[in-house]
Amino acid sequence: KPGAEIRFKTDDDELFDESLEYFEQSGYEITYLT
């Protein structure tokens, strides 16, 4: 739905870092990151 949020959790550094690129590449805005 418009405005719907994806929440993603992992312990894997490489997966997390590369997923940041995937989200940007796919037209998502990161609204929270830790």
Full PDB file with SEQRES, HELIX, SHEET, SSBOND, CRYST1, ORIGX, SCALE, CONECT and MASTER records, all heavy atoms in Angstrom:
SEQRES   1 A   34  LYS PRO GLY ALA GLU ILE ARG PHE LYS THR ASP ASP ASP          
SEQRES   2 A   34  GLU LEU PHE ASP GLU SER LEU GLU TYR PHE GLU GLN SER          
SEQRES   3 A   34  GLY TYR GLU ILE THR TYR LEU THR                              
HELIX    1 AA1 ASP A   13  GLN A   25  1                                  13    
CRYST1    1.000    1.000    1.000  90.00  90.00  90.00 P 1           1          
ORIGX1      1.000000  0.000000  0.000000        0.00000                         
ORIGX2      0.000000  1.000000  0.000000        0.00000                         
ORIGX3      0.000000  0.000000  1.000000        0.00000                         
SCALE1      1.000000  0.000000  0.000000        0.00000                         
SCALE2      0.000000  1.000000  0.000000        0.00000                         
SCALE3      0.000000  0.000000  1.000000        0.00000                         
ATOM      1  N   LYS A   1       0.849  -1.187   0.000  1.00  0.00           N  
ATOM      2  CA  LYS A   1       0.000   0.000   0.000  1.00  0.00           C  
ATOM      3  C   LYS A   1       0.894   1.250   0.000  1.00  0.00           C  
ATOM      4  O   LYS A   1       1.975   1.233   0.589  1.00  0.00           O  
ATOM      5  CB  LYS A   1      -0.884  -0.015   1.250  1.00  0.00           C  
ATOM      6  CG  LYS A   1      -1.967   1.030   1.293  1.00  0.00           C  
ATOM      7  CD  LYS A   1      -2.841   0.815   2.516  1.00  0.00           C  
ATOM      8  CE  LYS A   1      -3.948   1.857   2.584  1.00  0.00           C  
ATOM      9  NZ  LYS A   1      -4.817   1.640   3.773  1.00  0.00           N  
ATOM     10  N   PRO A   2       0.488   2.336  -0.669  1.00  0.00           N  
ATOM     11  CA  PRO A   2       1.299   3.557  -0.639  1.00  0.00           C  
ATOM     12  C   PRO A   2       1.628   3.956   0.803  1.00  0.00           C  
ATOM     13  O   PRO A   2       0.749   4.007   1.662  1.00  0.00           O  
ATOM     14  CB  PRO A   2       0.401   4.595  -1.315  1.00  0.00           C  
ATOM     15  CG  PRO A   2      -0.435   3.781  -2.257  1.00  0.00           C  
ATOM     16  CD  PRO A   2      -0.710   2.492  -1.529  1.00  0.00           C  
ATOM     17  N   GLY A   3       2.902   4.197   1.053  1.00  0.00           N  
ATOM     18  CA  GLY A   3       3.336   4.556   2.401  1.00  0.00           C  
ATOM     19  C   GLY A   3       3.653   3.367   3.283  1.00  0.00           C  
ATOM     20  O   GLY A   3       4.093   3.538   4.433  1.00  0.00           O  
ATOM     21  N   ALA A   4       3.443   2.159   2.775  1.00  0.00           N  
ATOM     22  CA  ALA A   4       3.726   0.955   3.553  1.00  0.00           C  
ATOM     23  C   ALA A   4       5.220   0.861   3.842  1.00  0.00           C  
ATOM     24  O   ALA A   4       6.057   1.263   3.041  1.00  0.00           O  
ATOM     25  CB  ALA A   4       3.251  -0.287   2.809  1.00  0.00           C  
ATOM     26  N   GLU A   5       5.553   0.270   4.968  1.00  0.00           N  
ATOM     27  CA  GLU A   5       6.923   0.218   5.441  1.00  0.00           C  
ATOM     28  C   GLU A   5       7.475  -1.208   5.362  1.00  0.00           C  
ATOM     29  O   GLU A   5       6.786  -2.170   5.711  1.00  0.00           O  
ATOM     30  CB  GLU A   5       6.963   0.705   6.890  1.00  0.00           C  
ATOM     31  CG  GLU A   5       8.344   0.883   7.479  1.00  0.00           C  
ATOM     32  CD  GLU A   5       8.278   1.510   8.861  1.00  0.00           C  
ATOM     33  OE1 GLU A   5       7.849   0.817   9.809  1.00  0.00           O  
ATOM     34  OE2 GLU A   5       8.638   2.698   9.003  1.00  0.00           O  
ATOM     35  N   ILE A   6       8.700  -1.325   4.894  1.00  0.00           N  
ATOM     36  CA  ILE A   6       9.435  -2.587   4.979  1.00  0.00           C  
ATOM     37  C   ILE A   6      10.374  -2.488   6.176  1.00  0.00           C  
ATOM     38  O   ILE A   6      11.086  -1.496   6.343  1.00  0.00           O  
ATOM     39  CB  ILE A   6      10.254  -2.863   3.711  1.00  0.00           C  
ATOM     40  CG1 ILE A   6       9.336  -3.064   2.502  1.00  0.00           C  
ATOM     41  CG2 ILE A   6      11.137  -4.108   3.900  1.00  0.00           C  
ATOM     42  CD1 ILE A   6      10.081  -3.326   1.201  1.00  0.00           C  
ATOM     43  N   ARG A   7      10.367  -3.524   7.024  1.00  0.00           N  
ATOM     44  CA  ARG A   7      11.310  -3.585   8.143  1.00  0.00           C  
ATOM     45  C   ARG A   7      12.212  -4.805   7.940  1.00  0.00           C  
ATOM     46  O   ARG A   7      11.728  -5.922   7.770  1.00  0.00           O  
ATOM     47  CB  ARG A   7      10.557  -3.686   9.475  1.00  0.00           C  
ATOM     48  CG  ARG A   7       9.689  -2.476   9.766  1.00  0.00           C  
ATOM     49  CD  ARG A   7       9.077  -2.525  11.149  1.00  0.00           C  
ATOM     50  NE  ARG A   7       8.185  -1.398  11.366  1.00  0.00           N  
ATOM     51  CZ  ARG A   7       7.547  -1.151  12.508  1.00  0.00           C  
ATOM     52  NH1 ARG A   7       7.713  -1.979  13.543  1.00  0.00           N  
ATOM     53  NH2 ARG A   7       6.752  -0.113  12.631  1.00  0.00           N  
ATOM     54  N   PHE A   8      13.506  -4.555   7.994  1.00  0.00           N  
ATOM     55  CA  PHE A   8      14.492  -5.580   7.682  1.00  0.00           C  
ATOM     56  C   PHE A   8      15.512  -5.681   8.804  1.00  0.00           C  
ATOM     57  O   PHE A   8      16.095  -4.684   9.226  1.00  0.00           O  
ATOM     58  CB  PHE A   8      15.176  -5.219   6.360  1.00  0.00           C  
ATOM     59  CG  PHE A   8      16.401  -6.034   6.035  1.00  0.00           C  
ATOM     60  CD1 PHE A   8      16.362  -7.426   6.019  1.00  0.00           C  
ATOM     61  CD2 PHE A   8      17.601  -5.403   5.730  1.00  0.00           C  
ATOM     62  CE1 PHE A   8      17.499  -8.165   5.716  1.00  0.00           C  
ATOM     63  CE2 PHE A   8      18.730  -6.134   5.425  1.00  0.00           C  
ATOM     64  CZ  PHE A   8      18.688  -7.517   5.424  1.00  0.00           C  
ATOM     65  N   LYS A   9      15.732  -6.934   9.296  1.00  0.00           N  
ATOM     66  CA  LYS A   9      16.709  -7.196  10.356  1.00  0.00           C  
ATOM     67  C   LYS A   9      17.653  -8.311   9.931  1.00  0.00           C  
ATOM     68  O   LYS A   9      17.230  -9.291   9.321  1.00  0.00           O  
ATOM     69  CB  LYS A   9      16.009  -7.634  11.654  1.00  0.00           C  
ATOM     70  CG  LYS A   9      15.385  -6.532  12.444  1.00  0.00           C  
ATOM     71  CD  LYS A   9      15.025  -6.967  13.852  1.00  0.00           C  
ATOM     72  CE  LYS A   9      13.796  -7.829  13.915  1.00  0.00           C  
ATOM     73  NZ  LYS A   9      13.355  -8.078  15.310  1.00  0.00           N  
ATOM     74  N   THR A  10      18.926  -8.153  10.301  1.00  0.00           N  
ATOM     75  CA  THR A  10      19.911  -9.192  10.017  1.00  0.00           C  
ATOM     76  C   THR A  10      21.096  -9.036  10.952  1.00  0.00           C  
ATOM     77  O   THR A  10      21.341  -7.944  11.489  1.00  0.00           O  
ATOM     78  CB  THR A  10      20.388  -9.124   8.556  1.00  0.00           C  
ATOM     79  OG1 THR A  10      21.300 -10.198   8.308  1.00  0.00           O  
ATOM     80  CG2 THR A  10      21.100  -7.809   8.259  1.00  0.00           C  
ATOM     81  N   ASP A  11      21.844 -10.108  11.109  1.00  0.00           N  
ATOM     82  CA  ASP A  11      23.107 -10.050  11.833  1.00  0.00           C  
ATOM     83  C   ASP A  11      24.278  -9.963  10.871  1.00  0.00           C  
ATOM     84  O   ASP A  11      25.420  -9.774  11.287  1.00  0.00           O  
ATOM     85  CB  ASP A  11      23.284 -11.312  12.688  1.00  0.00           C  
ATOM     86  CG  ASP A  11      23.419 -12.552  11.805  1.00  0.00           C  
ATOM     87  OD1 ASP A  11      22.470 -12.818  11.038  1.00  0.00           O  
ATOM     88  OD2 ASP A  11      24.468 -13.237  11.859  1.00  0.00           O  
ATOM     89  N   ASP A  12      24.003 -10.100   9.556  1.00  0.00           N  
ATOM     90  CA  ASP A  12      25.038 -10.235   8.542  1.00  0.00           C  
ATOM     91  C   ASP A  12      25.429  -8.863   7.970  1.00  0.00           C  
ATOM     92  O   ASP A  12      24.612  -8.193   7.344  1.00  0.00           O  
ATOM     93  CB  ASP A  12      24.544 -11.150   7.422  1.00  0.00           C  
ATOM     94  CG  ASP A  12      25.641 -11.554   6.467  1.00  0.00           C  
ATOM     95  OD1 ASP A  12      26.015 -10.729   5.615  1.00  0.00           O  
ATOM     96  OD2 ASP A  12      26.124 -12.696   6.579  1.00  0.00           O  
ATOM     97  N   ASP A  13      26.673  -8.468   8.179  1.00  0.00           N  
ATOM     98  CA  ASP A  13      27.133  -7.144   7.738  1.00  0.00           C  
ATOM     99  C   ASP A  13      27.091  -6.989   6.221  1.00  0.00           C  
ATOM    100  O   ASP A  13      26.627  -5.960   5.714  1.00  0.00           O  
ATOM    101  CB  ASP A  13      28.560  -6.891   8.235  1.00  0.00           C  
ATOM    102  CG  ASP A  13      28.633  -6.700   9.741  1.00  0.00           C  
ATOM    103  OD1 ASP A  13      27.981  -5.780  10.252  1.00  0.00           O  
ATOM    104  OD2 ASP A  13      29.337  -7.483  10.410  1.00  0.00           O  
ATOM    105  N   GLU A  14      27.592  -7.981   5.506  1.00  0.00           N  
ATOM    106  CA  GLU A  14      27.623  -7.884   4.046  1.00  0.00           C  
ATOM    107  C   GLU A  14      26.217  -7.805   3.474  1.00  0.00           C  
ATOM    108  O   GLU A  14      25.942  -6.979   2.595  1.00  0.00           O  
ATOM    109  CB  GLU A  14      28.358  -9.079   3.442  1.00  0.00           C  
ATOM    110  CG  GLU A  14      28.438  -9.015   1.926  1.00  0.00           C  
ATOM    111  CD  GLU A  14      29.133 -10.231   1.323  1.00  0.00           C  
ATOM    112  OE1 GLU A  14      28.461 -11.279   1.166  1.00  0.00           O  
ATOM    113  OE2 GLU A  14      30.326 -10.122   1.017  1.00  0.00           O  
ATOM    114  N   LEU A  15      25.329  -8.640   3.969  1.00  0.00           N  
ATOM    115  CA  LEU A  15      23.946  -8.607   3.490  1.00  0.00           C  
ATOM    116  C   LEU A  15      23.320  -7.245   3.756  1.00  0.00           C  
ATOM    117  O   LEU A  15      22.633  -6.689   2.894  1.00  0.00           O  
ATOM    118  CB  LEU A  15      23.121  -9.706   4.171  1.00  0.00           C  
ATOM    119  CG  LEU A  15      21.614  -9.679   3.893  1.00  0.00           C  
ATOM    120  CD1 LEU A  15      21.331  -9.888   2.409  1.00  0.00           C  
ATOM    121  CD2 LEU A  15      20.885 -10.730   4.729  1.00  0.00           C  
ATOM    122  N   PHE A  16      23.544  -6.704   4.941  1.00  0.00           N  
ATOM    123  CA  PHE A  16      22.958  -5.411   5.288  1.00  0.00           C  
ATOM    124  C   PHE A  16      23.486  -4.308   4.373  1.00  0.00           C  
ATOM    125  O   PHE A  16      22.712  -3.522   3.812  1.00  0.00           O  
ATOM    126  CB  PHE A  16      23.251  -5.075   6.751  1.00  0.00           C  
ATOM    127  CG  PHE A  16      22.463  -3.898   7.271  1.00  0.00           C  
ATOM    128  CD1 PHE A  16      21.109  -4.013   7.534  1.00  0.00           C  
ATOM    129  CD2 PHE A  16      23.074  -2.676   7.497  1.00  0.00           C  
ATOM    130  CE1 PHE A  16      20.371  -2.938   8.011  1.00  0.00           C  
ATOM    131  CE2 PHE A  16      22.358  -1.596   7.976  1.00  0.00           C  
ATOM    132  CZ  PHE A  16      21.004  -1.723   8.231  1.00  0.00           C  
ATOM    133  N   ASP A  17      24.820  -4.249   4.219  1.00  0.00           N  
ATOM    134  CA  ASP A  17      25.419  -3.197   3.395  1.00  0.00           C  
ATOM    135  C   ASP A  17      24.941  -3.290   1.942  1.00  0.00           C  
ATOM    136  O   ASP A  17      24.605  -2.266   1.322  1.00  0.00           O  
ATOM    137  CB  ASP A  17      26.944  -3.294   3.445  1.00  0.00           C  
ATOM    138  CG  ASP A  17      27.506  -2.891   4.798  1.00  0.00           C  
ATOM    139  OD1 ASP A  17      26.810  -2.177   5.536  1.00  0.00           O  
ATOM    140  OD2 ASP A  17      28.639  -3.295   5.106  1.00  0.00           O  
ATOM    141  N   GLU A  18      24.900  -4.481   1.405  1.00  0.00           N  
ATOM    142  CA  GLU A  18      24.479  -4.634   0.014  1.00  0.00           C  
ATOM    143  C   GLU A  18      22.972  -4.420  -0.137  1.00  0.00           C  
ATOM    144  O   GLU A  18      22.511  -3.949  -1.177  1.00  0.00           O  
ATOM    145  CB  GLU A  18      24.917  -5.996  -0.508  1.00  0.00           C  
ATOM    146  CG  GLU A  18      26.437  -6.092  -0.589  1.00  0.00           C  
ATOM    147  CD  GLU A  18      26.946  -7.390  -1.185  1.00  0.00           C  
ATOM    148  OE1 GLU A  18      26.124  -8.237  -1.618  1.00  0.00           O  
ATOM    149  OE2 GLU A  18      28.182  -7.569  -1.218  1.00  0.00           O  
ATOM    150  N   SER A  19      22.223  -4.720   0.917  1.00  0.00           N  
ATOM    151  CA  SER A  19      20.779  -4.466   0.870  1.00  0.00           C  
ATOM    152  C   SER A  19      20.488  -2.977   0.831  1.00  0.00           C  
ATOM    153  O   SER A  19      19.510  -2.545   0.207  1.00  0.00           O  
ATOM    154  CB  SER A  19      20.086  -5.116   2.071  1.00  0.00           C  
ATOM    155  OG  SER A  19      20.141  -6.526   1.987  1.00  0.00           O  
ATOM    156  N   LEU A  20      21.321  -2.181   1.497  1.00  0.00           N  
ATOM    157  CA  LEU A  20      21.151  -0.719   1.414  1.00  0.00           C  
ATOM    158  C   LEU A  20      21.215  -0.261  -0.040  1.00  0.00           C  
ATOM    159  O   LEU A  20      20.439   0.597  -0.460  1.00  0.00           O  
ATOM    160  CB  LEU A  20      22.238  -0.018   2.239  1.00  0.00           C  
ATOM    161  CG  LEU A  20      22.153  -0.159   3.761  1.00  0.00           C  
ATOM    162  CD1 LEU A  20      23.359   0.497   4.418  1.00  0.00           C  
ATOM    163  CD2 LEU A  20      20.862   0.437   4.291  1.00  0.00           C  
ATOM    164  N   GLU A  21      22.129  -0.856  -0.794  1.00  0.00           N  
ATOM    165  CA  GLU A  21      22.241  -0.528  -2.210  1.00  0.00           C  
ATOM    166  C   GLU A  21      21.003  -1.000  -2.971  1.00  0.00           C  
ATOM    167  O   GLU A  21      20.508  -0.303  -3.865  1.00  0.00           O  
ATOM    168  CB  GLU A  21      23.492  -1.176  -2.793  1.00  0.00           C  
ATOM    169  CG  GLU A  21      24.794  -0.680  -2.182  1.00  0.00           C  
ATOM    170  CD  GLU A  21      26.005  -1.409  -2.732  1.00  0.00           C  
ATOM    171  OE1 GLU A  21      25.873  -2.097  -3.763  1.00  0.00           O  
ATOM    172  OE2 GLU A  21      27.086  -1.298  -2.129  1.00  0.00           O  
ATOM    173  N   TYR A  22      20.500  -2.194  -2.615  1.00  0.00           N  
ATOM    174  CA  TYR A  22      19.308  -2.717  -3.283  1.00  0.00           C  
ATOM    175  C   TYR A  22      18.104  -1.796  -3.060  1.00  0.00           C  
ATOM    176  O   TYR A  22      17.330  -1.527  -3.986  1.00  0.00           O  
ATOM    177  CB  TYR A  22      18.940  -4.108  -2.763  1.00  0.00           C  
ATOM    178  CG  TYR A  22      19.996  -5.182  -2.947  1.00  0.00           C  
ATOM    179  CD1 TYR A  22      20.068  -6.251  -2.047  1.00  0.00           C  
ATOM    180  CD2 TYR A  22      20.909  -5.159  -3.993  1.00  0.00           C  
ATOM    181  CE1 TYR A  22      21.006  -7.260  -2.191  1.00  0.00           C  
ATOM    182  CE2 TYR A  22      21.860  -6.155  -4.146  1.00  0.00           C  
ATOM    183  CZ  TYR A  22      21.905  -7.210  -3.235  1.00  0.00           C  
ATOM    184  OH  TYR A  22      22.830  -8.203  -3.376  1.00  0.00           O  
ATOM    185  N   PHE A  23      17.947  -1.324  -1.817  1.00  0.00           N  
ATOM    186  CA  PHE A  23      16.808  -0.449  -1.512  1.00  0.00           C  
ATOM    187  C   PHE A  23      16.896   0.849  -2.310  1.00  0.00           C  
ATOM    188  O   PHE A  23      15.900   1.319  -2.862  1.00  0.00           O  
ATOM    189  CB  PHE A  23      16.746  -0.154  -0.007  1.00  0.00           C  
ATOM    190  CG  PHE A  23      16.048  -1.206   0.800  1.00  0.00           C  
ATOM    191  CD1 PHE A  23      16.772  -2.174   1.472  1.00  0.00           C  
ATOM    192  CD2 PHE A  23      14.665  -1.248   0.870  1.00  0.00           C  
ATOM    193  CE1 PHE A  23      16.145  -3.155   2.219  1.00  0.00           C  
ATOM    194  CE2 PHE A  23      14.009  -2.227   1.615  1.00  0.00           C  
ATOM    195  CZ  PHE A  23      14.755  -3.188   2.294  1.00  0.00           C  
ATOM    196  N   GLU A  24      18.097   1.424  -2.366  1.00  0.00           N  
ATOM    197  CA  GLU A  24      18.279   2.663  -3.136  1.00  0.00           C  
ATOM    198  C   GLU A  24      18.036   2.408  -4.620  1.00  0.00           C  
ATOM    199  O   GLU A  24      17.356   3.193  -5.299  1.00  0.00           O  
ATOM    200  CB  GLU A  24      19.688   3.205  -2.919  1.00  0.00           C  
ATOM    201  CG  GLU A  24      19.948   4.516  -3.652  1.00  0.00           C  
ATOM    202  CD  GLU A  24      21.335   5.078  -3.397  1.00  0.00           C  
ATOM    203  OE1 GLU A  24      22.075   4.476  -2.602  1.00  0.00           O  
ATOM    204  OE2 GLU A  24      21.660   6.113  -4.005  1.00  0.00           O  
ATOM    205  N   GLN A  25      18.567   1.309  -5.115  1.00  0.00           N  
ATOM    206  CA  GLN A  25      18.426   0.959  -6.525  1.00  0.00           C  
ATOM    207  C   GLN A  25      16.969   0.749  -6.898  1.00  0.00           C  
ATOM    208  O   GLN A  25      16.551   1.005  -8.033  1.00  0.00           O  
ATOM    209  CB  GLN A  25      19.242  -0.318  -6.799  1.00  0.00           C  
ATOM    210  CG  GLN A  25      19.312  -0.750  -8.254  1.00  0.00           C  
ATOM    211  CD  GLN A  25      20.203  -1.977  -8.424  1.00  0.00           C  
ATOM    212  OE1 GLN A  25      20.710  -2.530  -7.448  1.00  0.00           O  
ATOM    213  NE2 GLN A  25      20.375  -2.419  -9.649  1.00  0.00           N  
ATOM    214  N   SER A  26      16.168   0.300  -5.947  1.00  0.00           N  
ATOM    215  CA  SER A  26      14.767  -0.033  -6.210  1.00  0.00           C  
ATOM    216  C   SER A  26      13.816   1.126  -5.930  1.00  0.00           C  
ATOM    217  O   SER A  26      12.594   0.960  -6.033  1.00  0.00           O  
ATOM    218  CB  SER A  26      14.350  -1.248  -5.360  1.00  0.00           C  
ATOM    219  OG  SER A  26      15.217  -2.335  -5.592  1.00  0.00           O  
ATOM    220  N   GLY A  27      14.351   2.276  -5.554  1.00  0.00           N  
ATOM    221  CA  GLY A  27      13.503   3.444  -5.366  1.00  0.00           C  
ATOM    222  C   GLY A  27      12.826   3.527  -4.012  1.00  0.00           C  
ATOM    223  O   GLY A  27      11.710   4.041  -3.895  1.00  0.00           O  
ATOM    224  N   TYR A  28      13.497   3.030  -2.965  1.00  0.00           N  
ATOM    225  CA  TYR A  28      12.978   3.144  -1.601  1.00  0.00           C  
ATOM    226  C   TYR A  28      13.759   4.214  -0.843  1.00  0.00           C  
ATOM    227  O   TYR A  28      14.933   4.470  -1.126  1.00  0.00           O  
ATOM    228  CB  TYR A  28      13.118   1.820  -0.850  1.00  0.00           C  
ATOM    229  CG  TYR A  28      12.146   0.744  -1.268  1.00  0.00           C  
ATOM    230  CD1 TYR A  28      12.395  -0.048  -2.382  1.00  0.00           C  
ATOM    231  CD2 TYR A  28      10.976   0.505  -0.542  1.00  0.00           C  
ATOM    232  CE1 TYR A  28      11.520  -1.043  -2.765  1.00  0.00           C  
ATOM    233  CE2 TYR A  28      10.092  -0.497  -0.916  1.00  0.00           C  
ATOM    234  CZ  TYR A  28      10.368  -1.262  -2.029  1.00  0.00           C  
ATOM    235  OH  TYR A  28       9.486  -2.251  -2.409  1.00  0.00           O  
ATOM    236  N   GLU A  29      13.112   4.787   0.128  1.00  0.00           N  
ATOM    237  CA  GLU A  29      13.772   5.735   1.023  1.00  0.00           C  
ATOM    238  C   GLU A  29      13.994   5.065   2.372  1.00  0.00           C  
ATOM    239  O   GLU A  29      13.045   4.542   2.972  1.00  0.00           O  
ATOM    240  CB  GLU A  29      12.907   6.987   1.211  1.00  0.00           C  
ATOM    241  CG  GLU A  29      13.486   7.999   2.183  1.00  0.00           C  
ATOM    242  CD  GLU A  29      12.557   9.160   2.444  1.00  0.00           C  
ATOM    243  OE1 GLU A  29      11.492   9.222   1.803  1.00  0.00           O  
ATOM    244  OE2 GLU A  29      12.885  10.001   3.307  1.00  0.00           O  
ATOM    245  N   ILE A  30      15.234   5.060   2.856  1.00  0.00           N  
ATOM    246  CA  ILE A  30      15.532   4.521   4.180  1.00  0.00           C  
ATOM    247  C   ILE A  30      15.078   5.548   5.211  1.00  0.00           C  
ATOM    248  O   ILE A  30      15.574   6.679   5.236  1.00  0.00           O  
ATOM    249  CB  ILE A  30      17.035   4.228   4.353  1.00  0.00           C  
ATOM    250  CG1 ILE A  30      17.538   3.303   3.252  1.00  0.00           C  
ATOM    251  CG2 ILE A  30      17.301   3.636   5.735  1.00  0.00           C  
ATOM    252  CD1 ILE A  30      16.912   1.937   3.231  1.00  0.00           C  
ATOM    253  N   THR A  31      14.134   5.179   6.045  1.00  0.00           N  
ATOM    254  CA  THR A  31      13.584   6.120   7.029  1.00  0.00           C  
ATOM    255  C   THR A  31      14.161   5.925   8.421  1.00  0.00           C  
ATOM    256  O   THR A  31      14.028   6.790   9.286  1.00  0.00           O  
ATOM    257  CB  THR A  31      12.057   5.988   7.092  1.00  0.00           C  
ATOM    258  OG1 THR A  31      11.705   4.612   7.312  1.00  0.00           O  
ATOM    259  CG2 THR A  31      11.419   6.451   5.784  1.00  0.00           C  
ATOM    260  N   TYR A  32      14.791   4.779   8.648  1.00  0.00           N  
ATOM    261  CA  TYR A  32      15.452   4.522   9.938  1.00  0.00           C  
ATOM    262  C   TYR A  32      16.531   3.479   9.701  1.00  0.00           C  
ATOM    263  O   TYR A  32      16.314   2.509   8.967  1.00  0.00           O  
ATOM    264  CB  TYR A  32      14.454   4.020  10.985  1.00  0.00           C  
ATOM    265  CG  TYR A  32      15.067   3.822  12.354  1.00  0.00           C  
ATOM    266  CD1 TYR A  32      15.152   4.875  13.243  1.00  0.00           C  
ATOM    267  CD2 TYR A  32      15.572   2.580  12.745  1.00  0.00           C  
ATOM    268  CE1 TYR A  32      15.739   4.713  14.499  1.00  0.00           C  
ATOM    269  CE2 TYR A  32      16.151   2.406  13.999  1.00  0.00           C  
ATOM    270  CZ  TYR A  32      16.229   3.478  14.863  1.00  0.00           C  
ATOM    271  OH  TYR A  32      16.810   3.315  16.108  1.00  0.00           O  
ATOM    272  N   LEU A  33      17.697   3.669  10.339  1.00  0.00           N  
ATOM    273  CA  LEU A  33      18.798   2.731  10.162  1.00  0.00           C  
ATOM    274  C   LEU A  33      19.636   2.696  11.438  1.00  0.00           C  
ATOM    275  O   LEU A  33      19.970   3.748  12.006  1.00  0.00           O  
ATOM    276  CB  LEU A  33      19.664   3.150   8.971  1.00  0.00           C  
ATOM    277  CG  LEU A  33      20.807   2.213   8.543  1.00  0.00           C  
ATOM    278  CD1 LEU A  33      21.120   2.423   7.063  1.00  0.00           C  
ATOM    279  CD2 LEU A  33      22.083   2.451   9.362  1.00  0.00           C  
ATOM    280  N   THR A  34      19.941   1.494  11.885  1.00  0.00           N  
ATOM    281  CA  THR A  34      20.865   1.326  12.996  1.00  0.00           C  
ATOM    282  C   THR A  34      21.673   0.059  12.786  1.00  0.00           C  
ATOM    283  O   THR A  34      21.160  -0.925  12.250  1.00  0.00           O  
ATOM    284  CB  THR A  34      20.136   1.266  14.359  1.00  0.00           C  
ATOM    285  OG1 THR A  34      21.098   1.029  15.398  1.00  0.00           O  
ATOM    286  CG2 THR A  34      19.104   0.145  14.389  1.00  0.00           C  
TER     287      THR A  34                                                      
MASTER        0    0    0    1    0    0    0    6  286    1    0    3          
END                                                                             
